[in-house]
Amino acid sequence: MPSAVGDALAALLADPQTPVRVLLAFHIPAGLTSVITGAVAMLSQKRHGRHPRLGRIYYKALAVVFVSAAGLALLRWPEDAFLLVLGTLAFGLASLGYTARRIRWRGWTSAHILCMGLSYVVMQTAFWVDNGPTLPLWNRLPVLAFWIAPSLISLPFFVRAFRRYTRVSDDLRATVRELVSMGRT
């Protein structure tokens, strides 16, 4: 019996697609979790409860997406190098947005909304650029559409969030003052 398990494991590891499949087993559910929790958090009222809870789940799932995307990009280098760049950008923006929410300097809300929202747009862009050309009906669109559409679709949500929850110019001035004061200490 142990030799049968060992033989099966050896055969599995001999298949060059095994690492890709293992990474995808984490990447796909984490990506779906990010898409759903990010959308619901984005559309939820910004108060205690649902929004911050889903935001934390989004951030943690995006961390898994980032790590698995980095692994996938390295395994499929150089044709998927752009996915490493987009994954790094998405997770970096989410980290800035998450940090803004945790520290809460004066004017933090605009930075939080902008960074978390852009991380969602970049994640969506990576998905569509990578998968759009292989999906039925979507494969009829020009490649440029996969790069631009997530930003265009997200624009009304940004406008809505900024109008409802921020005073962009006041927040920007307060954030600059905070950054300057941090540099003096």
C-alpha atoms as a PDB file:
ATOM      1  CA  MET A   1       0.000   0.000   0.000  1.00  0.00           C
ATOM      2  CA  PRO A   2       2.693   2.581   0.886  1.00  0.00           C
ATOM      3  CA  SER A   3       4.412   1.938  -2.438  1.00  0.00           C
ATOM      4  CA  ALA A   4       1.131   2.631  -4.281  1.00  0.00           C
ATOM      5  CA  VAL A   5       0.826   6.002  -2.528  1.00  0.00           C
ATOM      6  CA  GLY A   6       4.480   6.727  -3.243  1.00  0.00           C
ATOM      7  CA  ASP A   7       4.054   5.759  -6.896  1.00  0.00           C
ATOM      8  CA  ALA A   8       0.953   7.960  -7.209  1.00  0.00           C
ATOM      9  CA  LEU A   9       2.747  10.874  -5.553  1.00  0.00           C
ATOM     10  CA  ALA A  10       5.789  10.413  -7.808  1.00  0.00           C
ATOM     11  CA  ALA A  11       3.569  10.367 -10.899  1.00  0.00           C
ATOM     12  CA  LEU A  12       1.765  13.490  -9.714  1.00  0.00           C
ATOM     13  CA  LEU A  13       4.998  15.350  -9.059  1.00  0.00           C
ATOM     14  CA  ALA A  14       6.435  14.261 -12.411  1.00  0.00           C
ATOM     15  CA  ASP A  15       3.602  16.103 -14.182  1.00  0.00           C
ATOM     16  CA  PRO A  16       4.848  19.657 -14.918  1.00  0.00           C
ATOM     17  CA  GLN A  17       1.273  20.980 -14.575  1.00  0.00           C
ATOM     18  CA  THR A  18       0.969  19.881 -10.924  1.00  0.00           C
ATOM     19  CA  PRO A  19       2.435  23.081  -9.407  1.00  0.00           C
ATOM     20  CA  VAL A  20       0.134  25.160 -11.609  1.00  0.00           C
ATOM     21  CA  ARG A  21      -2.896  23.104 -10.539  1.00  0.00           C
ATOM     22  CA  VAL A  22      -1.977  23.377  -6.867  1.00  0.00           C
ATOM     23  CA  LEU A  23      -1.599  27.153  -7.122  1.00  0.00           C
ATOM     24  CA  LEU A  24      -4.876  27.431  -9.036  1.00  0.00           C
ATOM     25  CA  ALA A  25      -6.611  25.440  -6.291  1.00  0.00           C
ATOM     26  CA  PHE A  26      -5.842  28.361  -3.972  1.00  0.00           C
ATOM     27  CA  HIS A  27      -5.952  31.171  -6.535  1.00  0.00           C
ATOM     28  CA  ILE A  28      -9.443  30.591  -7.958  1.00  0.00           C
ATOM     29  CA  PRO A  29     -11.410  30.410  -4.672  1.00  0.00           C
ATOM     30  CA  ALA A  30      -9.425  33.332  -3.242  1.00  0.00           C
ATOM     31  CA  GLY A  31     -10.088  35.332  -6.417  1.00  0.00           C
ATOM     32  CA  LEU A  32     -13.816  34.628  -6.259  1.00  0.00           C
ATOM     33  CA  THR A  33     -13.841  35.566  -2.577  1.00  0.00           C
ATOM     34  CA  SER A  34     -12.048  38.835  -3.392  1.00  0.00           C
ATOM     35  CA  VAL A  35     -14.458  39.690  -6.197  1.00  0.00           C
ATOM     36  CA  ILE A  36     -17.574  39.029  -4.116  1.00  0.00           C
ATOM     37  CA  THR A  37     -16.429  40.556  -0.820  1.00  0.00           C
ATOM     38  CA  GLY A  38     -14.878  43.541  -2.578  1.00  0.00           C
ATOM     39  CA  ALA A  39     -18.072  44.294  -4.499  1.00  0.00           C
ATOM     40  CA  VAL A  40     -20.332  43.913  -1.466  1.00  0.00           C
ATOM     41  CA  ALA A  41     -18.003  46.016   0.719  1.00  0.00           C
ATOM     42  CA  MET A  42     -17.844  48.669  -1.993  1.00  0.00           C
ATOM     43  CA  LEU A  43     -21.641  48.869  -2.199  1.00  0.00           C
ATOM     44  CA  SER A  44     -22.261  48.632   1.572  1.00  0.00           C
ATOM     45  CA  GLN A  45     -22.743  51.625   3.821  1.00  0.00           C
ATOM     46  CA  LYS A  46     -19.437  52.721   5.302  1.00  0.00           C
ATOM     47  CA  ARG A  47     -20.010  52.037   8.992  1.00  0.00           C
ATOM     48  CA  HIS A  48     -19.164  49.411  11.594  1.00  0.00           C
ATOM     49  CA  GLY A  49     -20.217  45.890  10.717  1.00  0.00           C
ATOM     50  CA  ARG A  50     -20.511  44.636   7.163  1.00  0.00           C
ATOM     51  CA  HIS A  51     -18.144  47.023   5.360  1.00  0.00           C
ATOM     52  CA  PRO A  52     -15.044  46.585   7.564  1.00  0.00           C
ATOM     53  CA  ARG A  53     -15.671  42.843   8.045  1.00  0.00           C
ATOM     54  CA  LEU A  54     -15.910  42.244   4.297  1.00  0.00           C
ATOM     55  CA  GLY A  55     -12.972  44.576   3.712  1.00  0.00           C
ATOM     56  CA  ARG A  56     -10.783  42.423   5.957  1.00  0.00           C
ATOM     57  CA  ILE A  57     -11.899  39.274   4.136  1.00  0.00           C
ATOM     58  CA  TYR A  58     -11.229  40.988   0.794  1.00  0.00           C
ATOM     59  CA  TYR A  59      -7.740  41.968   1.918  1.00  0.00           C
ATOM     60  CA  LYS A  60      -6.852  38.494   3.204  1.00  0.00           C
ATOM     61  CA  ALA A  61      -8.233  36.796   0.076  1.00  0.00           C
ATOM     62  CA  LEU A  62      -6.338  39.282  -2.095  1.00  0.00           C
ATOM     63  CA  ALA A  63      -3.149  38.349  -0.225  1.00  0.00           C
ATOM     64  CA  VAL A  64      -3.727  34.712  -1.273  1.00  0.00           C
ATOM     65  CA  VAL A  65      -4.446  35.863  -4.850  1.00  0.00           C
ATOM     66  CA  PHE A  66      -1.214  37.869  -4.845  1.00  0.00           C
ATOM     67  CA  VAL A  67       0.966  35.027  -3.567  1.00  0.00           C
ATOM     68  CA  SER A  68      -0.589  32.455  -5.902  1.00  0.00           C
ATOM     69  CA  ALA A  69      -0.454  34.874  -8.867  1.00  0.00           C
ATOM     70  CA  ALA A  70       3.232  35.467  -8.172  1.00  0.00           C
ATOM     71  CA  GLY A  71       3.825  31.718  -8.197  1.00  0.00           C
ATOM     72  CA  LEU A  72       1.815  31.263 -11.389  1.00  0.00           C
ATOM     73  CA  ALA A  73       3.630  34.132 -13.086  1.00  0.00           C
ATOM     74  CA  LEU A  74       7.003  32.667 -12.160  1.00  0.00           C
ATOM     75  CA  LEU A  75       6.003  29.205 -13.422  1.00  0.00           C
ATOM     76  CA  ARG A  76       4.818  30.680 -16.725  1.00  0.00           C
ATOM     77  CA  TRP A  77       7.559  33.262 -17.129  1.00  0.00           C
ATOM     78  CA  PRO A  78       7.886  35.438 -19.243  1.00  0.00           C
ATOM     79  CA  GLU A  79       4.425  35.260 -20.880  1.00  0.00           C
ATOM     80  CA  ASP A  80       2.688  35.945 -17.517  1.00  0.00           C
ATOM     81  CA  ALA A  81       5.154  38.526 -16.187  1.00  0.00           C
ATOM     82  CA  PHE A  82       2.462  41.218 -16.453  1.00  0.00           C
ATOM     83  CA  LEU A  83       0.367  39.256 -13.920  1.00  0.00           C
ATOM     84  CA  LEU A  84       3.146  39.602 -11.357  1.00  0.00           C
ATOM     85  CA  VAL A  85       3.154  43.367 -11.946  1.00  0.00           C
ATOM     86  CA  LEU A  86      -0.643  43.636 -11.701  1.00  0.00           C
ATOM     87  CA  GLY A  87      -0.785  41.374  -8.635  1.00  0.00           C
ATOM     88  CA  THR A  88       1.892  43.419  -6.891  1.00  0.00           C
ATOM     89  CA  LEU A  89       0.098  46.653  -7.764  1.00  0.00           C
ATOM     90  CA  ALA A  90      -3.303  45.340  -6.599  1.00  0.00           C
ATOM     91  CA  PHE A  91      -1.976  44.052  -3.287  1.00  0.00           C
ATOM     92  CA  GLY A  92       0.178  47.144  -2.739  1.00  0.00           C
ATOM     93  CA  LEU A  93      -2.797  49.452  -3.268  1.00  0.00           C
ATOM     94  CA  ALA A  94      -4.982  47.332  -0.982  1.00  0.00           C
ATOM     95  CA  SER A  95      -2.242  47.448   1.660  1.00  0.00           C
ATOM     96  CA  LEU A  96      -2.167  51.245   1.479  1.00  0.00           C
ATOM     97  CA  GLY A  97      -5.964  51.407   1.722  1.00  0.00           C
ATOM     98  CA  TYR A  98      -6.032  48.951   4.605  1.00  0.00           C
ATOM     99  CA  THR A  99      -3.299  50.927   6.399  1.00  0.00           C
ATOM    100  CA  ALA A 100      -5.236  54.173   5.937  1.00  0.00           C
ATOM    101  CA  ARG A 101      -8.240  52.553   7.599  1.00  0.00           C
ATOM    102  CA  ARG A 102      -6.130  51.180  10.471  1.00  0.00           C
ATOM    103  CA  ILE A 103      -4.172  54.374  11.202  1.00  0.00           C
ATOM    104  CA  ARG A 104      -7.025  56.832  10.462  1.00  0.00           C
ATOM    105  CA  TRP A 105      -5.064  60.052  10.063  1.00  0.00           C
ATOM    106  CA  ARG A 106      -7.048  63.182   9.359  1.00  0.00           C
ATOM    107  CA  GLY A 107      -8.289  62.811   5.771  1.00  0.00           C
ATOM    108  CA  TRP A 108      -7.776  59.038   5.632  1.00  0.00           C
ATOM    109  CA  THR A 109     -11.106  58.215   3.963  1.00  0.00           C
ATOM    110  CA  SER A 110     -10.159  59.437   0.495  1.00  0.00           C
ATOM    111  CA  ALA A 111      -6.902  57.462   0.560  1.00  0.00           C
ATOM    112  CA  HIS A 112      -8.767  54.383   1.778  1.00  0.00           C
ATOM    113  CA  ILE A 113     -11.495  54.560  -0.875  1.00  0.00           C
ATOM    114  CA  LEU A 114      -9.054  55.357  -3.677  1.00  0.00           C
ATOM    115  CA  CYS A 115      -6.536  52.639  -2.819  1.00  0.00           C
ATOM    116  CA  MET A 116      -9.027  49.866  -2.043  1.00  0.00           C
ATOM    117  CA  GLY A 117     -11.077  50.740  -5.134  1.00  0.00           C
ATOM    118  CA  LEU A 118      -8.039  50.827  -7.394  1.00  0.00           C
ATOM    119  CA  SER A 119      -6.836  47.497  -6.007  1.00  0.00           C
ATOM    120  CA  TYR A 120     -10.202  46.022  -7.029  1.00  0.00           C
ATOM    121  CA  VAL A 121      -9.925  47.547 -10.520  1.00  0.00           C
ATOM    122  CA  VAL A 122      -6.380  46.220 -10.979  1.00  0.00           C
ATOM    123  CA  MET A 123      -7.444  42.749  -9.795  1.00  0.00           C
ATOM    124  CA  GLN A 124     -10.356  42.785 -12.260  1.00  0.00           C
ATOM    125  CA  THR A 125      -8.062  44.008 -15.040  1.00  0.00           C
ATOM    126  CA  ALA A 126      -5.641  41.139 -14.394  1.00  0.00           C
ATOM    127  CA  PHE A 127      -8.491  38.622 -14.553  1.00  0.00           C
ATOM    128  CA  TRP A 128      -9.951  39.971 -17.790  1.00  0.00           C
ATOM    129  CA  VAL A 129      -6.610  40.428 -19.552  1.00  0.00           C
ATOM    130  CA  ASP A 130      -5.589  36.879 -18.635  1.00  0.00           C
ATOM    131  CA  ASN A 131      -8.930  35.101 -19.172  1.00  0.00           C
ATOM    132  CA  GLY A 132     -11.090  37.325 -21.375  1.00  0.00           C
ATOM    133  CA  PRO A 133      -9.594  36.200 -24.694  1.00  0.00           C
ATOM    134  CA  THR A 134     -10.479  32.565 -23.890  1.00  0.00           C
ATOM    135  CA  LEU A 135     -14.081  33.123 -22.748  1.00  0.00           C
ATOM    136  CA  PRO A 136     -16.997  32.663 -25.166  1.00  0.00           C
ATOM    137  CA  LEU A 137     -18.390  35.962 -26.469  1.00  0.00           C
ATOM    138  CA  TRP A 138     -15.712  37.905 -24.596  1.00  0.00           C
ATOM    139  CA  ASN A 139     -13.121  36.483 -27.008  1.00  0.00           C
ATOM    140  CA  ARG A 140     -14.664  38.670 -29.728  1.00  0.00           C
ATOM    141  CA  LEU A 141     -13.594  41.868 -27.984  1.00  0.00           C
ATOM    142  CA  PRO A 142     -10.289  43.540 -28.798  1.00  0.00           C
ATOM    143  CA  VAL A 143      -7.564  42.946 -26.206  1.00  0.00           C
ATOM    144  CA  LEU A 144      -7.530  46.662 -25.360  1.00  0.00           C
ATOM    145  CA  ALA A 145     -11.090  46.304 -24.017  1.00  0.00           C
ATOM    146  CA  PHE A 146      -9.849  43.977 -21.274  1.00  0.00           C
ATOM    147  CA  TRP A 147      -7.347  46.608 -20.154  1.00  0.00           C
ATOM    148  CA  ILE A 148      -9.797  49.531 -20.208  1.00  0.00           C
ATOM    149  CA  ALA A 149     -13.248  48.132 -19.344  1.00  0.00           C
ATOM    150  CA  PRO A 150     -12.648  47.488 -15.610  1.00  0.00           C
ATOM    151  CA  SER A 151     -11.666  51.144 -15.121  1.00  0.00           C
ATOM    152  CA  LEU A 152     -14.620  52.466 -17.102  1.00  0.00           C
ATOM    153  CA  ILE A 153     -17.080  50.200 -15.299  1.00  0.00           C
ATOM    154  CA  SER A 154     -15.663  51.211 -11.904  1.00  0.00           C
ATOM    155  CA  LEU A 155     -15.686  54.968 -12.517  1.00  0.00           C
ATOM    156  CA  PRO A 156     -19.329  55.549 -11.431  1.00  0.00           C
ATOM    157  CA  PHE A 157     -18.673  53.611  -8.201  1.00  0.00           C
ATOM    158  CA  PHE A 158     -15.667  55.823  -7.420  1.00  0.00           C
ATOM    159  CA  VAL A 159     -17.666  58.968  -8.085  1.00  0.00           C
ATOM    160  CA  ARG A 160     -20.501  57.698  -5.861  1.00  0.00           C
ATOM    161  CA  ALA A 161     -18.153  56.780  -3.010  1.00  0.00           C
ATOM    162  CA  PHE A 162     -16.210  60.034  -3.137  1.00  0.00           C
ATOM    163  CA  ARG A 163     -19.398  62.121  -3.207  1.00  0.00           C
ATOM    164  CA  ARG A 164     -20.993  60.235  -0.332  1.00  0.00           C
ATOM    165  CA  TYR A 165     -18.105  59.619   2.029  1.00  0.00           C
ATOM    166  CA  THR A 166     -15.328  62.136   1.477  1.00  0.00           C
ATOM    167  CA  ARG A 167     -14.345  65.713   1.000  1.00  0.00           C
ATOM    168  CA  VAL A 168     -11.549  65.011  -1.430  1.00  0.00           C
ATOM    169  CA  SER A 169      -9.791  68.393  -1.349  1.00  0.00           C
ATOM    170  CA  ASP A 170      -9.945  68.603   2.480  1.00  0.00           C
ATOM    171  CA  ASP A 171      -8.804  64.980   2.796  1.00  0.00           C
ATOM    172  CA  LEU A 172      -5.938  65.535   0.367  1.00  0.00           C
ATOM    173  CA  ARG A 173      -4.718  68.621   2.250  1.00  0.00           C
ATOM    174  CA  ALA A 174      -4.978  66.784   5.595  1.00  0.00           C
ATOM    175  CA  THR A 175      -3.121  63.764   4.219  1.00  0.00           C
ATOM    176  CA  VAL A 176      -0.312  65.942   2.832  1.00  0.00           C
ATOM    177  CA  ARG A 177      -0.039  67.724   6.210  1.00  0.00           C
ATOM    178  CA  GLU A 178       0.159  64.357   7.985  1.00  0.00           C
ATOM    179  CA  LEU A 179       2.852  63.096   5.615  1.00  0.00           C
ATOM    180  CA  VAL A 180       4.867  66.291   6.000  1.00  0.00           C
ATOM    181  CA  SER A 181       4.610  66.133   9.788  1.00  0.00           C
ATOM    182  CA  MET A 182       5.694  62.481   9.729  1.00  0.00           C
ATOM    183  CA  GLY A 183       8.769  63.473   7.742  1.00  0.00           C
ATOM    184  CA  ARG A 184       9.738  66.073  10.354  1.00  0.00           C
ATOM    185  CA  THR A 185       9.739  63.654  13.282  1.00  0.00           C
END
